[in-house]
Amino acid sequence: MPEHVNRERCCGSVDMSKLGRCRRCLILATSLSVVSWAVYAIVRQRLSLPWLTAGVMIYSCLLSLLLLAHLIAFFVKQRE
């Protein structure tokens, strides 16, 4: 990891150049993605509301894309 990155302020604002550098953000994206898919499974099994199931699925897909973006940025920056 480059030494010029300030780890204390990495989550303060949305800056795409910081994507994949902050360990806290990576853990948060992973946790949110896993929890959202667990909620989707529970909603799908317990409730028969298609609009709620679809909404939770869309939210889970978006969080999974966020996690994928973090992981791609992390591995690209590791190679540099």
Protein backbone atom coordinates (compact mmCIF):
# COMPACT_ATOMS: atom_id res chain seq x y z
CA MET A 1 0.00 0.00 0.00
CA PRO A 2 1.38 3.43 -0.85
CA GLU A 3 2.67 5.36 2.11
CA HIS A 4 1.02 8.62 1.08
CA VAL A 5 -2.49 7.24 1.72
CA ASN A 6 -4.04 8.64 4.88
CA ARG A 7 -5.88 5.69 6.45
CA GLU A 8 -7.64 7.86 9.03
CA ARG A 9 -9.55 9.90 6.46
CA CYS A 10 -10.20 7.26 3.79
CA CYS A 11 -13.91 6.88 4.55
CA GLY A 12 -14.73 10.54 4.98
CA SER A 13 -15.75 11.33 1.40
CA VAL A 14 -16.53 9.47 -1.77
CA ASP A 15 -13.33 9.37 -3.79
CA MET A 16 -12.94 6.63 -6.41
CA SER A 17 -9.13 6.83 -6.21
CA LYS A 18 -9.37 5.44 -2.66
CA LEU A 19 -11.41 2.41 -3.72
CA GLY A 20 -9.72 -0.80 -2.64
CA ARG A 21 -7.23 0.83 -0.27
CA CYS A 22 -9.18 1.00 2.96
CA ARG A 23 -9.44 -2.26 4.87
CA ARG A 24 -12.42 -1.00 6.87
CA CYS A 25 -14.34 -0.24 3.66
CA LEU A 26 -13.53 -3.68 2.24
CA ILE A 27 -14.78 -5.39 5.39
CA LEU A 28 -17.89 -3.22 5.47
CA ALA A 29 -18.71 -3.96 1.81
CA THR A 30 -18.24 -7.69 2.41
CA SER A 31 -20.37 -7.69 5.56
CA LEU A 32 -23.16 -5.68 3.98
CA SER A 33 -23.23 -7.95 0.94
CA VAL A 34 -23.41 -11.14 3.00
CA VAL A 35 -26.05 -9.74 5.35
CA SER A 36 -28.18 -8.46 2.48
CA TRP A 37 -28.19 -11.88 0.78
CA ALA A 38 -29.14 -13.50 4.10
CA VAL A 39 -32.02 -11.03 4.45
CA TYR A 40 -33.07 -11.83 0.88
CA ALA A 41 -33.17 -15.55 1.68
CA ILE A 42 -35.26 -14.92 4.80
CA VAL A 43 -37.67 -12.58 3.01
CA ARG A 44 -38.07 -14.99 0.13
CA GLN A 45 -38.86 -17.95 2.42
CA ARG A 46 -41.01 -16.24 5.04
CA LEU A 47 -42.92 -13.55 3.15
CA SER A 48 -44.90 -13.86 -0.04
CA LEU A 49 -44.54 -10.24 -1.09
CA PRO A 50 -42.97 -10.17 -4.57
CA TRP A 51 -42.29 -6.43 -4.48
CA LEU A 52 -40.36 -6.72 -1.20
CA THR A 53 -38.44 -9.75 -2.42
CA ALA A 54 -37.53 -7.92 -5.63
CA GLY A 55 -36.46 -4.82 -3.73
CA VAL A 56 -34.21 -6.77 -1.37
CA MET A 57 -32.74 -8.69 -4.32
CA ILE A 58 -31.92 -5.46 -6.18
CA TYR A 59 -30.32 -4.03 -3.03
CA SER A 60 -28.28 -7.23 -2.58
CA CYS A 61 -27.11 -7.16 -6.20
CA LEU A 62 -25.99 -3.54 -5.85
CA LEU A 63 -24.04 -4.31 -2.68
CA SER A 64 -22.44 -7.29 -4.43
CA LEU A 65 -21.37 -4.98 -7.27
CA LEU A 66 -19.88 -2.60 -4.72
CA LEU A 67 -17.94 -5.48 -3.19
CA LEU A 68 -16.77 -6.59 -6.64
CA ALA A 69 -15.57 -3.06 -7.42
CA HIS A 70 -13.63 -2.97 -4.14
CA LEU A 71 -12.03 -6.34 -4.82
CA ILE A 72 -11.07 -5.49 -8.40
CA ALA A 73 -9.55 -2.18 -7.28
CA PHE A 74 -7.73 -3.91 -4.43
CA PHE A 75 -6.14 -6.55 -6.66
CA VAL A 76 -5.24 -4.03 -9.37
CA LYS A 77 -3.55 -1.79 -6.81
CA GLN A 78 -1.69 -4.78 -5.34
CA ARG A 79 -0.10 -5.43 -8.74
CA GLU A 80 1.11 -1.82 -9.08
